Amino acid sequence: MTPHENPPPNGRKPPTSTYYNAFTLSYYDIHVLGHNMTRIWRCPTKSVQLPLFQKYFSPPEHTKARCWEHLDVGAGTGFFVAEALKSCLGNRQSMRITLMDNNLSTLKKARRRIEGVVGRLGELATVETVLHDVLDGDIPKSLGEGRYDVVTMFNLFHCLRTTAPEGKKGVFGMAARLLRGDGVLVGCTILPGREYQARGLAGVRVRYTLWLYNRVYKVFGNEGDTRAQLEEGLKAAFEEVEVEVVGSMMIFVARGPKRLGVEG
């Protein structure tokens, strides 16, 4: 299926939509999810992030009678969804997975990877893709408010480049509008503050990597991000917010979406 497209404003593409291409995505799992998460940010993918993703990926008992809906924003290579799906191979509940990203190359790679697992579930699981920049503010019509059981945003926020103070906070509001009343937002992002960095040479490597990705490659936009700022945005959009810092990563789980005119 061709991704639904929401054209970027003024025709300008965000840096991440051009940096992540077939070549860079070919080593993304090894370099970003492997080396960087373990050695630089000290929040290993397989022992910390993936178990968190899997915890909220499995449909709870009360949803068994309907199709369970999951929206993954910032699809990457599809690693998290594909790995989580493998643990659902024995489930008999229908699932619909939607991937949203501002990069067509990313969506294509993630979709192919996930469909390799979905094929083992037969007609019980389907995959949709949506080409959209979350900083645009609007929700693509193909998504629908109050639709999703879970929205995941893993390693997304540190890649959002915006000078608007409310830009990133607005993404939390978008997630709240998309979720069902009992839905959950789960995610993680890199905090740039020195209090979250290792000491000595390891800390120097962190600061160099932040400088490289923010100023040279321009795929990060987190130089001004703080835990307090992100928590404030979460609490403005959700009734219940849980935050934990592991290494340089802030992990968050939010429930009780605040939005008008949407039934859960």
C-alpha atoms as a PDB file:
ATOM      1  CA  MET A   1       0.000   0.000   0.000  1.00  0.00           C
ATOM      2  CA  THR A   2       1.338   3.465  -0.873  1.00  0.00           C
ATOM      3  CA  PRO A   3       1.775   5.698   2.209  1.00  0.00           C
ATOM      4  CA  HIS A   4      -0.819   8.429   2.700  1.00  0.00           C
ATOM      5  CA  GLU A   5       1.023  11.693   2.207  1.00  0.00           C
ATOM      6  CA  ASN A   6       0.629  15.027   3.966  1.00  0.00           C
ATOM      7  CA  PRO A   7       2.917  17.476   2.071  1.00  0.00           C
ATOM      8  CA  PRO A   8       5.396  19.471   4.211  1.00  0.00           C
ATOM      9  CA  PRO A   9       4.680  23.207   4.597  1.00  0.00           C
ATOM     10  CA  ASN A  10       6.314  25.402   1.939  1.00  0.00           C
ATOM     11  CA  GLY A  11       7.616  22.250   0.268  1.00  0.00           C
ATOM     12  CA  ARG A  12      10.568  22.059   2.700  1.00  0.00           C
ATOM     13  CA  LYS A  13      11.555  18.647   3.985  1.00  0.00           C
ATOM     14  CA  PRO A  14      12.868  18.223   7.531  1.00  0.00           C
ATOM     15  CA  PRO A  15      16.558  17.129   7.708  1.00  0.00           C
ATOM     16  CA  THR A  16      15.692  13.655   8.991  1.00  0.00           C
ATOM     17  CA  SER A  17      13.651  12.959   5.857  1.00  0.00           C
ATOM     18  CA  THR A  18      16.793  13.209   3.713  1.00  0.00           C
ATOM     19  CA  TYR A  19      19.500  12.005   6.129  1.00  0.00           C
ATOM     20  CA  TYR A  20      17.866   8.628   6.722  1.00  0.00           C
ATOM     21  CA  ASN A  21      18.036   6.912   3.339  1.00  0.00           C
ATOM     22  CA  ALA A  22      18.598   3.363   2.129  1.00  0.00           C
ATOM     23  CA  PHE A  23      22.318   3.569   2.959  1.00  0.00           C
ATOM     24  CA  THR A  24      22.104   5.041   6.481  1.00  0.00           C
ATOM     25  CA  LEU A  25      19.153   2.813   7.374  1.00  0.00           C
ATOM     26  CA  SER A  26      21.206  -0.255   6.432  1.00  0.00           C
ATOM     27  CA  TYR A  27      23.409   0.205   9.517  1.00  0.00           C
ATOM     28  CA  TYR A  28      20.864   2.007  11.760  1.00  0.00           C
ATOM     29  CA  ASP A  29      20.148  -1.022  13.975  1.00  0.00           C
ATOM     30  CA  ILE A  30      23.823  -1.744  14.611  1.00  0.00           C
ATOM     31  CA  HIS A  31      25.025   1.826  15.041  1.00  0.00           C
ATOM     32  CA  VAL A  32      22.066   3.735  16.536  1.00  0.00           C
ATOM     33  CA  LEU A  33      20.057   1.051  18.347  1.00  0.00           C
ATOM     34  CA  GLY A  34      23.152  -0.956  19.203  1.00  0.00           C
ATOM     35  CA  HIS A  35      26.301   1.084  19.800  1.00  0.00           C
ATOM     36  CA  ASN A  36      24.856   4.524  20.523  1.00  0.00           C
ATOM     37  CA  MET A  37      22.071   3.408  22.855  1.00  0.00           C
ATOM     38  CA  THR A  38      24.453   1.248  24.872  1.00  0.00           C
ATOM     39  CA  ARG A  39      27.766   3.132  24.759  1.00  0.00           C
ATOM     40  CA  ILE A  40      26.700   6.765  24.350  1.00  0.00           C
ATOM     41  CA  TRP A  41      23.239   7.198  25.870  1.00  0.00           C
ATOM     42  CA  ARG A  42      23.537   4.281  28.372  1.00  0.00           C
ATOM     43  CA  CYS A  43      19.986   3.057  27.776  1.00  0.00           C
ATOM     44  CA  PRO A  44      20.380  -0.287  25.950  1.00  0.00           C
ATOM     45  CA  THR A  45      17.740  -1.052  23.350  1.00  0.00           C
ATOM     46  CA  LYS A  46      17.337  -4.758  24.070  1.00  0.00           C
ATOM     47  CA  SER A  47      17.362  -4.643  27.874  1.00  0.00           C
ATOM     48  CA  VAL A  48      15.513  -1.362  28.527  1.00  0.00           C
ATOM     49  CA  GLN A  49      13.656   0.080  25.523  1.00  0.00           C
ATOM     50  CA  LEU A  50      12.397  -3.088  23.833  1.00  0.00           C
ATOM     51  CA  PRO A  51      10.899  -4.617  27.032  1.00  0.00           C
ATOM     52  CA  LEU A  52       9.048  -1.332  27.617  1.00  0.00           C
ATOM     53  CA  PHE A  53       7.714  -1.341  24.060  1.00  0.00           C
ATOM     54  CA  GLN A  54       6.635  -4.976  24.334  1.00  0.00           C
ATOM     55  CA  LYS A  55       4.876  -4.371  27.656  1.00  0.00           C
ATOM     56  CA  TYR A  56       2.378  -2.015  26.028  1.00  0.00           C
ATOM     57  CA  PHE A  57       2.231  -3.713  22.643  1.00  0.00           C
ATOM     58  CA  SER A  58       0.301  -6.811  23.693  1.00  0.00           C
ATOM     59  CA  PRO A  59      -3.502  -6.309  23.602  1.00  0.00           C
ATOM     60  CA  PRO A  60      -5.080  -6.397  27.104  1.00  0.00           C
ATOM     61  CA  GLU A  61      -7.874  -8.843  27.869  1.00  0.00           C
ATOM     62  CA  HIS A  62     -10.710  -6.294  27.658  1.00  0.00           C
ATOM     63  CA  THR A  63      -9.934  -5.557  23.976  1.00  0.00           C
ATOM     64  CA  LYS A  64     -10.200  -9.162  22.758  1.00  0.00           C
ATOM     65  CA  ALA A  65     -13.605  -8.653  21.120  1.00  0.00           C
ATOM     66  CA  ARG A  66     -12.410  -5.932  18.718  1.00  0.00           C
ATOM     67  CA  CYS A  67      -9.507  -4.949  16.512  1.00  0.00           C
ATOM     68  CA  TRP A  68      -6.616  -3.631  18.582  1.00  0.00           C
ATOM     69  CA  GLU A  69      -5.009  -0.464  17.167  1.00  0.00           C
ATOM     70  CA  HIS A  70      -1.368   0.606  17.585  1.00  0.00           C
ATOM     71  CA  LEU A  71       0.224   3.780  16.168  1.00  0.00           C
ATOM     72  CA  ASP A  72       4.020   3.953  16.034  1.00  0.00           C
ATOM     73  CA  VAL A  73       5.294   7.494  15.387  1.00  0.00           C
ATOM     74  CA  GLY A  74       8.858   7.675  14.120  1.00  0.00           C
ATOM     75  CA  ALA A  75       9.039   4.215  12.574  1.00  0.00           C
ATOM     76  CA  GLY A  76      12.823   3.944  12.203  1.00  0.00           C
ATOM     77  CA  THR A  77      13.656   0.564  10.668  1.00  0.00           C
ATOM     78  CA  GLY A  78      10.584  -1.094  12.185  1.00  0.00           C
ATOM     79  CA  PHE A  79      12.738  -2.859  14.787  1.00  0.00           C
ATOM     80  CA  PHE A  80      10.493  -2.296  17.807  1.00  0.00           C
ATOM     81  CA  VAL A  81       7.214  -3.254  16.135  1.00  0.00           C
ATOM     82  CA  ALA A  82       8.710  -6.283  14.369  1.00  0.00           C
ATOM     83  CA  GLU A  83      10.287  -7.630  17.557  1.00  0.00           C
ATOM     84  CA  ALA A  84       7.141  -7.009  19.591  1.00  0.00           C
ATOM     85  CA  LEU A  85       5.008  -8.742  16.969  1.00  0.00           C
ATOM     86  CA  LYS A  86       7.058 -11.915  17.305  1.00  0.00           C
ATOM     87  CA  SER A  87       5.764 -12.290  20.853  1.00  0.00           C
ATOM     88  CA  CYS A  88       2.164 -12.089  19.549  1.00  0.00           C
ATOM     89  CA  LEU A  89       2.356 -14.980  17.117  1.00  0.00           C
ATOM     90  CA  GLY A  90       0.133 -17.085  19.378  1.00  0.00           C
ATOM     91  CA  ASN A  91      -2.544 -14.394  19.696  1.00  0.00           C
ATOM     92  CA  ARG A  92      -5.827 -14.818  17.858  1.00  0.00           C
ATOM     93  CA  GLN A  93      -6.938 -11.186  18.116  1.00  0.00           C
ATOM     94  CA  SER A  94      -7.002  -8.922  15.076  1.00  0.00           C
ATOM     95  CA  MET A  95      -4.470  -6.084  15.138  1.00  0.00           C
ATOM     96  CA  ARG A  96      -4.008  -3.008  12.986  1.00  0.00           C
ATOM     97  CA  ILE A  97      -0.596  -1.327  13.107  1.00  0.00           C
ATOM     98  CA  THR A  98      -0.110   2.171  11.724  1.00  0.00           C
ATOM     99  CA  LEU A  99       3.362   3.608  11.085  1.00  0.00           C
ATOM    100  CA  MET A 100       3.785   7.381  10.845  1.00  0.00           C
ATOM    101  CA  ASP A 101       6.991   9.114   9.786  1.00  0.00           C
ATOM    102  CA  ASN A 102       8.138  12.099   7.728  1.00  0.00           C
ATOM    103  CA  ASN A 103      10.494   9.925   5.699  1.00  0.00           C
ATOM    104  CA  LEU A 104       9.295   7.716   2.850  1.00  0.00           C
ATOM    105  CA  SER A 105      12.491   5.611   2.900  1.00  0.00           C
ATOM    106  CA  THR A 106      11.977   4.885   6.578  1.00  0.00           C
ATOM    107  CA  LEU A 107       8.335   3.939   6.090  1.00  0.00           C
ATOM    108  CA  LYS A 108       9.167   1.570   3.222  1.00  0.00           C
ATOM    109  CA  LYS A 109      11.938  -0.192   5.142  1.00  0.00           C
ATOM    110  CA  ALA A 110       9.901  -0.469   8.347  1.00  0.00           C
ATOM    111  CA  ARG A 111       6.855  -1.755   6.482  1.00  0.00           C
ATOM    112  CA  ARG A 112       8.809  -4.470   4.655  1.00  0.00           C
ATOM    113  CA  ARG A 113      10.380  -5.631   7.896  1.00  0.00           C
ATOM    114  CA  ILE A 114       7.103  -5.717   9.811  1.00  0.00           C
ATOM    115  CA  GLU A 115       5.202  -7.412   6.997  1.00  0.00           C
ATOM    116  CA  GLY A 116       7.748 -10.223   7.179  1.00  0.00           C
ATOM    117  CA  VAL A 117       6.405 -10.957  10.662  1.00  0.00           C
ATOM    118  CA  VAL A 118       2.792 -10.053   9.918  1.00  0.00           C
ATOM    119  CA  GLY A 119       2.750 -12.702   7.198  1.00  0.00           C
ATOM    120  CA  ARG A 120       3.075 -15.327   9.929  1.00  0.00           C
ATOM    121  CA  LEU A 121      -0.101 -13.993  11.561  1.00  0.00           C
ATOM    122  CA  GLY A 122      -2.224 -14.454   8.448  1.00  0.00           C
ATOM    123  CA  GLU A 123      -5.163 -12.067   8.223  1.00  0.00           C
ATOM    124  CA  LEU A 124      -5.095 -11.217  11.938  1.00  0.00           C
ATOM    125  CA  ALA A 125      -2.697  -8.280  11.519  1.00  0.00           C
ATOM    126  CA  THR A 126      -2.471  -5.471   8.981  1.00  0.00           C
ATOM    127  CA  VAL A 127       0.009  -2.623   8.490  1.00  0.00           C
ATOM    128  CA  GLU A 128      -0.761   0.913   7.322  1.00  0.00           C
ATOM    129  CA  THR A 129       1.688   3.756   6.682  1.00  0.00           C
ATOM    130  CA  VAL A 130       1.226   7.517   6.902  1.00  0.00           C
ATOM    131  CA  LEU A 131       3.781  10.031   5.587  1.00  0.00           C
ATOM    132  CA  HIS A 132       3.413  13.010   7.922  1.00  0.00           C
ATOM    133  CA  ASP A 133       5.510  15.443   9.973  1.00  0.00           C
ATOM    134  CA  VAL A 134       4.177  15.571  13.546  1.00  0.00           C
ATOM    135  CA  LEU A 135       5.299  19.198  13.835  1.00  0.00           C
ATOM    136  CA  ASP A 136       2.719  20.203  11.211  1.00  0.00           C
ATOM    137  CA  GLY A 137       0.123  20.166  13.971  1.00  0.00           C
ATOM    138  CA  ASP A 138      -2.787  18.761  11.972  1.00  0.00           C
ATOM    139  CA  ILE A 139      -3.830  15.130  12.243  1.00  0.00           C
ATOM    140  CA  PRO A 140      -4.020  13.314   8.880  1.00  0.00           C
ATOM    141  CA  LYS A 141      -7.608  12.392   8.057  1.00  0.00           C
ATOM    142  CA  SER A 142      -6.582   8.774   7.508  1.00  0.00           C
ATOM    143  CA  LEU A 143      -5.811   8.378  11.219  1.00  0.00           C
ATOM    144  CA  GLY A 144      -8.954   9.448  13.077  1.00  0.00           C
ATOM    145  CA  GLU A 145      -9.240  10.861  16.591  1.00  0.00           C
ATOM    146  CA  GLY A 146      -9.913   8.583  19.540  1.00  0.00           C
ATOM    147  CA  ARG A 147      -8.929   5.525  17.497  1.00  0.00           C
ATOM    148  CA  TYR A 148      -5.769   4.062  19.004  1.00  0.00           C
ATOM    149  CA  ASP A 149      -5.172   1.848  22.027  1.00  0.00           C
ATOM    150  CA  VAL A 150      -1.470   2.684  22.179  1.00  0.00           C
ATOM    151  CA  VAL A 151       0.713   5.376  20.615  1.00  0.00           C
ATOM    152  CA  THR A 152       4.482   4.809  20.762  1.00  0.00           C
ATOM    153  CA  MET A 153       7.106   7.517  20.236  1.00  0.00           C
ATOM    154  CA  PHE A 154      10.491   5.859  20.703  1.00  0.00           C
ATOM    155  CA  ASN A 155      13.547   8.012  19.958  1.00  0.00           C
ATOM    156  CA  LEU A 156      11.397  10.624  18.251  1.00  0.00           C
ATOM    157  CA  PHE A 157      11.530  13.858  20.228  1.00  0.00           C
ATOM    158  CA  HIS A 158      15.277  14.421  20.096  1.00  0.00           C
ATOM    159  CA  CYS A 159      14.959  14.301  16.283  1.00  0.00           C
ATOM    160  CA  LEU A 160      12.318  17.052  16.107  1.00  0.00           C
ATOM    161  CA  ARG A 161      13.840  20.320  14.974  1.00  0.00           C
ATOM    162  CA  THR A 162      11.693  23.309  15.880  1.00  0.00           C
ATOM    163  CA  THR A 163      12.250  26.816  17.242  1.00  0.00           C
ATOM    164  CA  ALA A 164       8.625  27.155  18.355  1.00  0.00           C
ATOM    165  CA  PRO A 165       8.389  26.815  22.170  1.00  0.00           C
ATOM    166  CA  GLU A 166       5.118  24.887  21.927  1.00  0.00           C
ATOM    167  CA  GLY A 167       6.214  22.767  18.970  1.00  0.00           C
ATOM    168  CA  LYS A 168       7.158  19.603  20.837  1.00  0.00           C
ATOM    169  CA  LYS A 169       4.468  20.013  23.481  1.00  0.00           C
ATOM    170  CA  GLY A 170       1.914  20.062  20.677  1.00  0.00           C
ATOM    171  CA  VAL A 171       2.987  16.545  19.674  1.00  0.00           C
ATOM    172  CA  PHE A 172       1.819  15.269  23.067  1.00  0.00           C
ATOM    173  CA  GLY A 173      -1.525  16.971  22.450  1.00  0.00           C
ATOM    174  CA  MET A 174      -1.777  15.264  19.068  1.00  0.00           C
ATOM    175  CA  ALA A 175      -1.167  11.878  20.714  1.00  0.00           C
ATOM    176  CA  ALA A 176      -3.886  12.601  23.287  1.00  0.00           C
ATOM    177  CA  ARG A 177      -6.383  13.340  20.498  1.00  0.00           C
ATOM    178  CA  LEU A 178      -5.525  10.118  18.685  1.00  0.00           C
ATOM    179  CA  LEU A 179      -5.855   7.838  21.706  1.00  0.00           C
ATOM    180  CA  ARG A 180      -8.956   6.165  23.078  1.00  0.00           C
ATOM    181  CA  GLY A 181     -10.031   7.253  26.544  1.00  0.00           C
ATOM    182  CA  ASP A 182      -8.186   4.314  28.107  1.00  0.00           C
ATOM    183  CA  GLY A 183      -5.263   4.533  25.683  1.00  0.00           C
ATOM    184  CA  VAL A 184      -1.588   4.884  26.577  1.00  0.00           C
ATOM    185  CA  LEU A 185       1.298   6.951  25.176  1.00  0.00           C
ATOM    186  CA  VAL A 186       4.737   5.356  25.616  1.00  0.00           C
ATOM    187  CA  GLY A 187       8.093   6.656  24.482  1.00  0.00           C
ATOM    188  CA  CYS A 188      11.648   7.742  25.172  1.00  0.00           C
ATOM    189  CA  THR A 189      13.945  10.566  24.137  1.00  0.00           C
ATOM    190  CA  ILE A 190      17.521  11.760  24.699  1.00  0.00           C
ATOM    191  CA  LEU A 191      18.095  14.554  27.234  1.00  0.00           C
ATOM    192  CA  PRO A 192      21.114  16.802  26.508  1.00  0.00           C
ATOM    193  CA  GLY A 193      21.723  18.051  30.079  1.00  0.00           C
ATOM    194  CA  ARG A 194      25.120  17.364  31.639  1.00  0.00           C
ATOM    195  CA  GLU A 195      23.447  15.927  34.742  1.00  0.00           C
ATOM    196  CA  TYR A 196      22.405  12.974  32.557  1.00  0.00           C
ATOM    197  CA  GLN A 197      25.867  12.368  31.113  1.00  0.00           C
ATOM    198  CA  ALA A 198      28.646  10.079  32.260  1.00  0.00           C
ATOM    199  CA  ARG A 199      31.794  11.596  33.740  1.00  0.00           C
ATOM    200  CA  GLY A 200      35.215  11.926  32.177  1.00  0.00           C
ATOM    201  CA  LEU A 201      35.935  10.767  28.637  1.00  0.00           C
ATOM    202  CA  ALA A 202      32.531   9.078  28.330  1.00  0.00           C
ATOM    203  CA  GLY A 203      30.861  12.452  28.975  1.00  0.00           C
ATOM    204  CA  VAL A 204      33.030  14.072  26.320  1.00  0.00           C
ATOM    205  CA  ARG A 205      31.849  11.456  23.820  1.00  0.00           C
ATOM    206  CA  VAL A 206      28.237  12.265  24.697  1.00  0.00           C
ATOM    207  CA  ARG A 207      28.729  15.997  24.170  1.00  0.00           C
ATOM    208  CA  TYR A 208      30.599  15.425  20.913  1.00  0.00           C
ATOM    209  CA  THR A 209      27.811  13.160  19.620  1.00  0.00           C
ATOM    210  CA  LEU A 210      25.167  15.725  20.581  1.00  0.00           C
ATOM    211  CA  TRP A 211      27.127  18.455  18.784  1.00  0.00           C
ATOM    212  CA  LEU A 212      27.632  16.251  15.712  1.00  0.00           C
ATOM    213  CA  TYR A 213      23.953  15.290  15.381  1.00  0.00           C
ATOM    214  CA  ASN A 214      22.569  18.730  16.241  1.00  0.00           C
ATOM    215  CA  ARG A 215      25.000  21.016  14.402  1.00  0.00           C
ATOM    216  CA  VAL A 216      26.602  18.956  11.613  1.00  0.00           C
ATOM    217  CA  TYR A 217      24.162  16.237  10.535  1.00  0.00           C
ATOM    218  CA  LYS A 218      21.196  18.266  11.850  1.00  0.00           C
ATOM    219  CA  VAL A 219      19.112  15.178  12.569  1.00  0.00           C
ATOM    220  CA  PHE A 220      18.758  16.101  16.260  1.00  0.00           C
ATOM    221  CA  GLY A 221      16.942  19.128  17.585  1.00  0.00           C
ATOM    222  CA  ASN A 222      17.216  18.576  21.325  1.00  0.00           C
ATOM    223  CA  GLU A 223      19.767  21.166  22.508  1.00  0.00           C
ATOM    224  CA  GLY A 224      17.060  23.032  24.431  1.00  0.00           C
ATOM    225  CA  ASP A 225      15.148  19.990  25.687  1.00  0.00           C
ATOM    226  CA  THR A 226      14.774  19.521  29.433  1.00  0.00           C
ATOM    227  CA  ARG A 227      13.009  16.925  31.539  1.00  0.00           C
ATOM    228  CA  ALA A 228      10.876  19.652  33.146  1.00  0.00           C
ATOM    229  CA  GLN A 229       9.786  21.008  29.759  1.00  0.00           C
ATOM    230  CA  LEU A 230       8.807  17.604  28.420  1.00  0.00           C
ATOM    231  CA  GLU A 231       7.018  16.626  31.632  1.00  0.00           C
ATOM    232  CA  GLU A 232       5.072  19.882  31.499  1.00  0.00           C
ATOM    233  CA  GLY A 233       3.951  19.058  27.958  1.00  0.00           C
ATOM    234  CA  LEU A 234       2.929  15.541  28.969  1.00  0.00           C
ATOM    235  CA  LYS A 235       0.943  16.735  31.988  1.00  0.00           C
ATOM    236  CA  ALA A 236      -0.862  19.319  29.898  1.00  0.00           C
ATOM    237  CA  ALA A 237      -2.107  16.544  27.603  1.00  0.00           C
ATOM    238  CA  PHE A 238      -2.564  13.624  30.027  1.00  0.00           C
ATOM    239  CA  GLU A 239      -4.013  13.043  33.473  1.00  0.00           C
ATOM    240  CA  GLU A 240      -1.402  10.511  34.607  1.00  0.00           C
ATOM    241  CA  VAL A 241       2.279  10.753  33.713  1.00  0.00           C
ATOM    242  CA  GLU A 242       5.191   8.507  34.713  1.00  0.00           C
ATOM    243  CA  VAL A 243       8.757   9.556  33.911  1.00  0.00           C
ATOM    244  CA  GLU A 244      12.067   7.798  34.501  1.00  0.00           C
ATOM    245  CA  VAL A 245      15.603   8.670  33.387  1.00  0.00           C
ATOM    246  CA  VAL A 246      17.969   5.889  32.348  1.00  0.00           C
ATOM    247  CA  GLY A 247      21.395   7.171  31.380  1.00  0.00           C
ATOM    248  CA  SER A 248      20.735  10.108  29.053  1.00  0.00           C
ATOM    249  CA  MET A 249      17.277   8.841  28.088  1.00  0.00           C
ATOM    250  CA  MET A 250      13.951  10.019  29.475  1.00  0.00           C
ATOM    251  CA  ILE A 251      11.330   7.246  29.413  1.00  0.00           C
ATOM    252  CA  PHE A 252       7.678   8.251  29.699  1.00  0.00           C
ATOM    253  CA  VAL A 253       4.276   6.583  30.015  1.00  0.00           C
ATOM    254  CA  ALA A 254       1.120   8.728  29.916  1.00  0.00           C
ATOM    255  CA  ARG A 255      -2.532   7.790  30.452  1.00  0.00           C
ATOM    256  CA  GLY A 256      -5.854   9.617  30.578  1.00  0.00           C
ATOM    257  CA  PRO A 257      -5.716  11.744  27.420  1.00  0.00           C
ATOM    258  CA  LYS A 258      -7.141  15.247  27.766  1.00  0.00           C
ATOM    259  CA  ARG A 259      -9.016  16.269  24.619  1.00  0.00           C
ATOM    260  CA  LEU A 260     -12.402  17.764  23.884  1.00  0.00           C
ATOM    261  CA  GLY A 261     -15.046  16.162  21.730  1.00  0.00           C
ATOM    262  CA  VAL A 262     -13.488  12.709  21.528  1.00  0.00           C
ATOM    263  CA  GLU A 263     -15.130   9.655  23.026  1.00  0.00           C
ATOM    264  CA  GLY A 264     -12.838   6.876  24.269  1.00  0.00           C
END
